[in-house]
Amino acid sequence: MHLEIITLEKVLFEGEVDSVKLPGTKGSFEALNNHAAIISTLDEGNIVVKQGTEKTNFEIKSGIVEILKNKMIVLA
């Protein structure tokens, strides 16, 4: 799945990932390859990006995520 994490200042991350854990406003959730299409709001918390055995954390205050056809865009 292709992931982009974008803020007003810059692109924090862009690349292929195995999974992403997100702090949704109604509870955290995880997105994997071939996830159903979704648009959701995000609360303050950590986005955890997994690429193979490596995990990377991005702390956000709030945001929106869109997942469509194996492409995820996070606006934070």
PDB file of N, CA and C in Angstrom:
ATOM      1  N   MET A   1       0.847  -1.169   0.000  1.00  0.00           N
ATOM      2  CA  MET A   1       0.000   0.000   0.000  1.00  0.00           C
ATOM      3  C   MET A   1       0.895   1.235   0.000  1.00  0.00           C
ATOM      4  N   HIS A   2       0.507   2.242  -0.763  1.00  0.00           N
ATOM      5  CA  HIS A   2       1.280   3.482  -0.826  1.00  0.00           C
ATOM      6  C   HIS A   2       0.715   4.458   0.209  1.00  0.00           C
ATOM      7  N   LEU A   3       1.602   5.064   0.997  1.00  0.00           N
ATOM      8  CA  LEU A   3       1.205   5.987   2.057  1.00  0.00           C
ATOM      9  C   LEU A   3       1.857   7.339   1.862  1.00  0.00           C
ATOM     10  N   GLU A   4       1.067   8.406   2.062  1.00  0.00           N
ATOM     11  CA  GLU A   4       1.579   9.766   2.119  1.00  0.00           C
ATOM     12  C   GLU A   4       1.059  10.402   3.400  1.00  0.00           C
ATOM     13  N   ILE A   5       1.958  10.972   4.204  1.00  0.00           N
ATOM     14  CA  ILE A   5       1.580  11.739   5.385  1.00  0.00           C
ATOM     15  C   ILE A   5       2.007  13.174   5.121  1.00  0.00           C
ATOM     16  N   ILE A   6       1.017  14.071   5.068  1.00  0.00           N
ATOM     17  CA  ILE A   6       1.267  15.443   4.644  1.00  0.00           C
ATOM     18  C   ILE A   6       0.805  16.416   5.727  1.00  0.00           C
ATOM     19  N   THR A   7       1.638  17.429   6.018  1.00  0.00           N
ATOM     20  CA  THR A   7       1.253  18.515   6.918  1.00  0.00           C
ATOM     21  C   THR A   7       1.238  19.813   6.101  1.00  0.00           C
ATOM     22  N   LEU A   8       0.870  20.900   6.747  1.00  0.00           N
ATOM     23  CA  LEU A   8       0.890  22.194   6.059  1.00  0.00           C
ATOM     24  C   LEU A   8       2.300  22.589   5.641  1.00  0.00           C
ATOM     25  N   GLU A   9       3.303  22.159   6.418  1.00  0.00           N
ATOM     26  CA  GLU A   9       4.685  22.560   6.163  1.00  0.00           C
ATOM     27  C   GLU A   9       5.415  21.676   5.163  1.00  0.00           C
ATOM     28  N   LYS A  10       5.144  20.350   5.215  1.00  0.00           N
ATOM     29  CA  LYS A  10       5.932  19.447   4.369  1.00  0.00           C
ATOM     30  C   LYS A  10       5.305  18.066   4.281  1.00  0.00           C
ATOM     31  N   VAL A  11       5.871  17.234   3.420  1.00  0.00           N
ATOM     32  CA  VAL A  11       5.503  15.822   3.343  1.00  0.00           C
ATOM     33  C   VAL A  11       6.366  15.083   4.357  1.00  0.00           C
ATOM     34  N   LEU A  12       5.735  14.493   5.378  1.00  0.00           N
ATOM     35  CA  LEU A  12       6.488  13.780   6.417  1.00  0.00           C
ATOM     36  C   LEU A  12       6.952  12.412   5.960  1.00  0.00           C
ATOM     37  N   PHE A  13       6.120  11.748   5.147  1.00  0.00           N
ATOM     38  CA  PHE A  13       6.452  10.390   4.716  1.00  0.00           C
ATOM     39  C   PHE A  13       5.766  10.125   3.385  1.00  0.00           C
ATOM     40  N   GLU A  14       6.471   9.396   2.513  1.00  0.00           N
ATOM     41  CA  GLU A  14       5.883   8.900   1.278  1.00  0.00           C
ATOM     42  C   GLU A  14       6.588   7.614   0.910  1.00  0.00           C
ATOM     43  N   GLY A  15       5.817   6.539   0.741  1.00  0.00           N
ATOM     44  CA  GLY A  15       6.423   5.270   0.362  1.00  0.00           C
ATOM     45  C   GLY A  15       5.477   4.103   0.523  1.00  0.00           C
ATOM     46  N   GLU A  16       5.988   2.927   0.203  1.00  0.00           N
ATOM     47  CA  GLU A  16       5.229   1.682   0.318  1.00  0.00           C
ATOM     48  C   GLU A  16       5.327   1.153   1.746  1.00  0.00           C
ATOM     49  N   VAL A  17       4.193   0.693   2.296  1.00  0.00           N
ATOM     50  CA  VAL A  17       4.150   0.199   3.670  1.00  0.00           C
ATOM     51  C   VAL A  17       3.362  -1.104   3.728  1.00  0.00           C
ATOM     52  N   ASP A  18       3.571  -1.847   4.835  1.00  0.00           N
ATOM     53  CA  ASP A  18       2.819  -3.088   5.063  1.00  0.00           C
ATOM     54  C   ASP A  18       1.533  -2.832   5.837  1.00  0.00           C
ATOM     55  N   SER A  19       1.606  -1.932   6.838  1.00  0.00           N
ATOM     56  CA  SER A  19       0.423  -1.599   7.627  1.00  0.00           C
ATOM     57  C   SER A  19       0.601  -0.242   8.281  1.00  0.00           C
ATOM     58  N   VAL A  20      -0.536   0.349   8.683  1.00  0.00           N
ATOM     59  CA  VAL A  20      -0.529   1.654   9.341  1.00  0.00           C
ATOM     60  C   VAL A  20      -1.568   1.632  10.450  1.00  0.00           C
ATOM     61  N   LYS A  21      -1.159   1.990  11.681  1.00  0.00           N
ATOM     62  CA  LYS A  21      -2.094   2.136  12.795  1.00  0.00           C
ATOM     63  C   LYS A  21      -2.380   3.622  12.969  1.00  0.00           C
ATOM     64  N   LEU A  22      -3.668   3.955  13.084  1.00  0.00           N
ATOM     65  CA  LEU A  22      -4.095   5.346  13.106  1.00  0.00           C
ATOM     66  C   LEU A  22      -4.960   5.641  14.331  1.00  0.00           C
ATOM     67  N   PRO A  23      -4.847   6.861  14.895  1.00  0.00           N
ATOM     68  CA  PRO A  23      -5.669   7.244  16.049  1.00  0.00           C
ATOM     69  C   PRO A  23      -7.010   7.847  15.613  1.00  0.00           C
ATOM     70  N   GLY A  24      -7.965   7.021  15.226  1.00  0.00           N
ATOM     71  CA  GLY A  24      -9.266   7.501  14.776  1.00  0.00           C
ATOM     72  C   GLY A  24     -10.037   8.175  15.903  1.00  0.00           C
ATOM     73  N   THR A  25     -10.944   9.067  15.557  1.00  0.00           N
ATOM     74  CA  THR A  25     -11.712   9.780  16.576  1.00  0.00           C
ATOM     75  C   THR A  25     -12.651   8.851  17.341  1.00  0.00           C
ATOM     76  N   LYS A  26     -13.020   7.727  16.765  1.00  0.00           N
ATOM     77  CA  LYS A  26     -13.877   6.749  17.456  1.00  0.00           C
ATOM     78  C   LYS A  26     -13.081   5.531  17.891  1.00  0.00           C
ATOM     79  N   GLY A  27     -11.765   5.683  17.974  1.00  0.00           N
ATOM     80  CA  GLY A  27     -10.894   4.588  18.380  1.00  0.00           C
ATOM     81  C   GLY A  27      -9.840   4.310  17.329  1.00  0.00           C
ATOM     82  N   SER A  28      -8.717   3.778  17.781  1.00  0.00           N
ATOM     83  CA  SER A  28      -7.628   3.504  16.844  1.00  0.00           C
ATOM     84  C   SER A  28      -7.989   2.327  15.940  1.00  0.00           C
ATOM     85  N   PHE A  29      -7.400   2.327  14.744  1.00  0.00           N
ATOM     86  CA  PHE A  29      -7.627   1.234  13.802  1.00  0.00           C
ATOM     87  C   PHE A  29      -6.384   1.040  12.958  1.00  0.00           C
ATOM     88  N   GLU A  30      -6.314  -0.130  12.321  1.00  0.00           N
ATOM     89  CA  GLU A  30      -5.161  -0.477  11.496  1.00  0.00           C
ATOM     90  C   GLU A  30      -5.614  -0.722  10.070  1.00  0.00           C
ATOM     91  N   ALA A  31      -4.824  -0.261   9.119  1.00  0.00           N
ATOM     92  CA  ALA A  31      -5.107  -0.468   7.703  1.00  0.00           C
ATOM     93  C   ALA A  31      -4.001  -1.315   7.090  1.00  0.00           C
ATOM     94  N   LEU A  32      -4.412  -2.322   6.346  1.00  0.00           N
ATOM     95  CA  LEU A  32      -3.489  -3.217   5.648  1.00  0.00           C
ATOM     96  C   LEU A  32      -3.709  -3.089   4.141  1.00  0.00           C
ATOM     97  N   ASN A  33      -2.908  -3.790   3.375  1.00  0.00           N
ATOM     98  CA  ASN A  33      -3.053  -3.818   1.928  1.00  0.00           C
ATOM     99  C   ASN A  33      -4.469  -4.264   1.562  1.00  0.00           C
ATOM    100  N   ASN A  34      -5.039  -3.684   0.514  1.00  0.00           N
ATOM    101  CA  ASN A  34      -6.388  -3.988   0.027  1.00  0.00           C
ATOM    102  C   ASN A  34      -7.488  -3.612   1.019  1.00  0.00           C
ATOM    103  N   HIS A  35      -7.230  -2.621   1.870  1.00  0.00           N
ATOM    104  CA  HIS A  35      -8.239  -2.142   2.815  1.00  0.00           C
ATOM    105  C   HIS A  35      -9.410  -1.544   2.045  1.00  0.00           C
ATOM    106  N   ALA A  36     -10.608  -1.661   2.599  1.00  0.00           N
ATOM    107  CA  ALA A  36     -11.791  -1.065   1.976  1.00  0.00           C
ATOM    108  C   ALA A  36     -11.637   0.452   1.930  1.00  0.00           C
ATOM    109  N   ALA A  37     -12.283   1.063   0.964  1.00  0.00           N
ATOM    110  CA  ALA A  37     -12.246   2.521   0.844  1.00  0.00           C
ATOM    111  C   ALA A  37     -12.852   3.152   2.095  1.00  0.00           C
ATOM    112  N   ILE A  38     -12.195   4.210   2.604  1.00  0.00           N
ATOM    113  CA  ILE A  38     -12.650   4.857   3.832  1.00  0.00           C
ATOM    114  C   ILE A  38     -12.131   6.284   3.882  1.00  0.00           C
ATOM    115  N   ILE A  39     -12.915   7.143   4.509  1.00  0.00           N
ATOM    116  CA  ILE A  39     -12.472   8.480   4.898  1.00  0.00           C
ATOM    117  C   ILE A  39     -12.798   8.597   6.378  1.00  0.00           C
ATOM    118  N   SER A  40     -11.822   9.019   7.189  1.00  0.00           N
ATOM    119  CA  SER A  40     -12.024   9.099   8.632  1.00  0.00           C
ATOM    120  C   SER A  40     -11.281  10.288   9.212  1.00  0.00           C
ATOM    121  N   THR A  41     -11.799  10.816  10.320  1.00  0.00           N
ATOM    122  CA  THR A  41     -11.099  11.872  11.050  1.00  0.00           C
ATOM    123  C   THR A  41     -10.175  11.235  12.071  1.00  0.00           C
ATOM    124  N   LEU A  42      -9.102  11.949  12.398  1.00  0.00           N
ATOM    125  CA  LEU A  42      -8.101  11.440  13.321  1.00  0.00           C
ATOM    126  C   LEU A  42      -7.964  12.367  14.521  1.00  0.00           C
ATOM    127  N   ASP A  43      -7.713  11.780  15.693  1.00  0.00           N
ATOM    128  CA  ASP A  43      -7.472  12.521  16.925  1.00  0.00           C
ATOM    129  C   ASP A  43      -5.978  12.641  17.171  1.00  0.00           C
ATOM    130  N   GLU A  44      -5.638  13.331  18.241  1.00  0.00           N
ATOM    131  CA  GLU A  44      -4.243  13.424  18.665  1.00  0.00           C
ATOM    132  C   GLU A  44      -3.738  12.038  19.032  1.00  0.00           C
ATOM    133  N   GLY A  45      -2.531  11.732  18.584  1.00  0.00           N
ATOM    134  CA  GLY A  45      -1.942  10.430  18.873  1.00  0.00           C
ATOM    135  C   GLY A  45      -0.810  10.118  17.918  1.00  0.00           C
ATOM    136  N   ASN A  46      -0.474   8.830  17.859  1.00  0.00           N
ATOM    137  CA  ASN A  46       0.634   8.376  17.012  1.00  0.00           C
ATOM    138  C   ASN A  46       0.133   7.583  15.824  1.00  0.00           C
ATOM    139  N   ILE A  47       0.734   7.862  14.673  1.00  0.00           N
ATOM    140  CA  ILE A  47       0.568   7.018  13.501  1.00  0.00           C
ATOM    141  C   ILE A  47       1.765   6.084  13.501  1.00  0.00           C
ATOM    142  N   VAL A  48       1.509   4.778  13.475  1.00  0.00           N
ATOM    143  CA  VAL A  48       2.584   3.789  13.478  1.00  0.00           C
ATOM    144  C   VAL A  48       2.628   3.135  12.102  1.00  0.00           C
ATOM    145  N   VAL A  49       3.744   3.342  11.401  1.00  0.00           N
ATOM    146  CA  VAL A  49       3.939   2.827  10.050  1.00  0.00           C
ATOM    147  C   VAL A  49       4.858   1.620  10.130  1.00  0.00           C
ATOM    148  N   LYS A  50       4.418   0.501   9.553  1.00  0.00           N
ATOM    149  CA  LYS A  50       5.236  -0.717   9.561  1.00  0.00           C
ATOM    150  C   LYS A  50       5.669  -1.040   8.138  1.00  0.00           C
ATOM    151  N   GLN A  51       6.996  -1.163   7.981  1.00  0.00           N
ATOM    152  CA  GLN A  51       7.605  -1.571   6.713  1.00  0.00           C
ATOM    153  C   GLN A  51       8.496  -2.763   7.032  1.00  0.00           C
ATOM    154  N   GLY A  52       8.045  -3.963   6.699  1.00  0.00           N
ATOM    155  CA  GLY A  52       8.807  -5.157   7.056  1.00  0.00           C
ATOM    156  C   GLY A  52       8.889  -5.278   8.568  1.00  0.00           C
ATOM    157  N   THR A  53      10.106  -5.322   9.101  1.00  0.00           N
ATOM    158  CA  THR A  53      10.281  -5.420  10.547  1.00  0.00           C
ATOM    159  C   THR A  53      10.470  -4.054  11.211  1.00  0.00           C
ATOM    160  N   GLU A  54      10.542  -2.997  10.418  1.00  0.00           N
ATOM    161  CA  GLU A  54      10.757  -1.648  10.953  1.00  0.00           C
ATOM    162  C   GLU A  54       9.432  -0.932  11.227  1.00  0.00           C
ATOM    163  N   LYS A  55       9.387  -0.219  12.362  1.00  0.00           N
ATOM    164  CA  LYS A  55       8.228   0.597  12.710  1.00  0.00           C
ATOM    165  C   LYS A  55       8.677   2.040  12.876  1.00  0.00           C
ATOM    166  N   THR A  56       7.887   2.970  12.337  1.00  0.00           N
ATOM    167  CA  THR A  56       8.163   4.397  12.456  1.00  0.00           C
ATOM    168  C   THR A  56       6.933   5.077  13.031  1.00  0.00           C
ATOM    169  N   ASN A  57       7.124   5.984  13.995  1.00  0.00           N
ATOM    170  CA  ASN A  57       6.026   6.707  14.636  1.00  0.00           C
ATOM    171  C   ASN A  57       6.004   8.152  14.189  1.00  0.00           C
ATOM    172  N   PHE A  58       4.804   8.664  13.969  1.00  0.00           N
ATOM    173  CA  PHE A  58       4.588  10.072  13.663  1.00  0.00           C
ATOM    174  C   PHE A  58       3.516  10.575  14.616  1.00  0.00           C
ATOM    175  N   GLU A  59       3.835  11.592  15.414  1.00  0.00           N
ATOM    176  CA  GLU A  59       2.873  12.153  16.352  1.00  0.00           C
ATOM    177  C   GLU A  59       2.068  13.248  15.653  1.00  0.00           C
ATOM    178  N   ILE A  60       0.735  13.176  15.794  1.00  0.00           N
ATOM    179  CA  ILE A  60      -0.127  14.182  15.176  1.00  0.00           C
ATOM    180  C   ILE A  60      -1.069  14.776  16.223  1.00  0.00           C
ATOM    181  N   LYS A  61      -1.584  15.954  15.931  1.00  0.00           N
ATOM    182  CA  LYS A  61      -2.578  16.616  16.793  1.00  0.00           C
ATOM    183  C   LYS A  61      -3.993  16.282  16.334  1.00  0.00           C
ATOM    184  N   SER A  62      -4.195  16.216  15.026  1.00  0.00           N
ATOM    185  CA  SER A  62      -5.487  15.859  14.433  1.00  0.00           C
ATOM    186  C   SER A  62      -5.261  15.650  12.943  1.00  0.00           C
ATOM    187  N   GLY A  63      -6.297  15.176  12.250  1.00  0.00           N
ATOM    188  CA  GLY A  63      -6.144  15.000  10.818  1.00  0.00           C
ATOM    189  C   GLY A  63      -7.297  14.265  10.181  1.00  0.00           C
ATOM    190  N   ILE A  64      -7.090  13.949   8.907  1.00  0.00           N
ATOM    191  CA  ILE A  64      -8.056  13.206   8.100  1.00  0.00           C
ATOM    192  C   ILE A  64      -7.280  12.169   7.298  1.00  0.00           C
ATOM    193  N   VAL A  65      -7.868  10.996   7.133  1.00  0.00           N
ATOM    194  CA  VAL A  65      -7.239   9.965   6.320  1.00  0.00           C
ATOM    195  C   VAL A  65      -8.220   9.501   5.246  1.00  0.00           C
ATOM    196  N   GLU A  66      -7.687   9.259   4.051  1.00  0.00           N
ATOM    197  CA  GLU A  66      -8.466   8.678   2.971  1.00  0.00           C
ATOM    198  C   GLU A  66      -7.712   7.454   2.463  1.00  0.00           C
ATOM    199  N   ILE A  67      -8.423   6.347   2.331  1.00  0.00           N
ATOM    200  CA  ILE A  67      -7.843   5.125   1.768  1.00  0.00           C
ATOM    201  C   ILE A  67      -8.686   4.754   0.558  1.00  0.00           C
ATOM    202  N   LEU A  68      -8.023   4.593  -0.588  1.00  0.00           N
ATOM    203  CA  LEU A  68      -8.723   4.238  -1.815  1.00  0.00           C
ATOM    204  C   LEU A  68      -7.767   3.521  -2.754  1.00  0.00           C
ATOM    205  N   LYS A  69      -8.115   2.324  -3.148  1.00  0.00           N
ATOM    206  CA  LYS A  69      -7.338   1.539  -4.123  1.00  0.00           C
ATOM    207  C   LYS A  69      -5.868   1.428  -3.739  1.00  0.00           C
ATOM    208  N   ASN A  70      -5.603   0.984  -2.507  1.00  0.00           N
ATOM    209  CA  ASN A  70      -4.243   0.760  -1.983  1.00  0.00           C
ATOM    210  C   ASN A  70      -3.389   2.024  -1.931  1.00  0.00           C
ATOM    211  N   LYS A  71      -4.044   3.172  -1.814  1.00  0.00           N
ATOM    212  CA  LYS A  71      -3.337   4.434  -1.605  1.00  0.00           C
ATOM    213  C   LYS A  71      -3.960   5.122  -0.391  1.00  0.00           C
ATOM    214  N   MET A  72      -3.124   5.482   0.577  1.00  0.00           N
ATOM    215  CA  MET A  72      -3.577   6.154   1.789  1.00  0.00           C
ATOM    216  C   MET A  72      -2.942   7.530   1.849  1.00  0.00           C
ATOM    217  N   ILE A  73      -3.801   8.550   2.067  1.00  0.00           N
ATOM    218  CA  ILE A  73      -3.314   9.909   2.235  1.00  0.00           C
ATOM    219  C   ILE A  73      -3.773  10.397   3.599  1.00  0.00           C
ATOM    220  N   VAL A  74      -2.815  10.837   4.422  1.00  0.00           N
ATOM    221  CA  VAL A  74      -3.111  11.402   5.737  1.00  0.00           C
ATOM    222  C   VAL A  74      -2.776  12.883   5.678  1.00  0.00           C
ATOM    223  N   LEU A  75      -3.758  13.727   5.968  1.00  0.00           N
ATOM    224  CA  LEU A  75      -3.554  15.156   6.085  1.00  0.00           C
ATOM    225  C   LEU A  75      -3.581  15.476   7.565  1.00  0.00           C
ATOM    226  N   ALA A  76      -2.452  15.931   8.105  1.00  0.00           N
ATOM    227  CA  ALA A  76      -2.347  16.154   9.555  1.00  0.00           C
ATOM    228  C   ALA A  76      -1.959  17.583   9.855  1.00  0.00           C
TER     229      ALA A  76
END
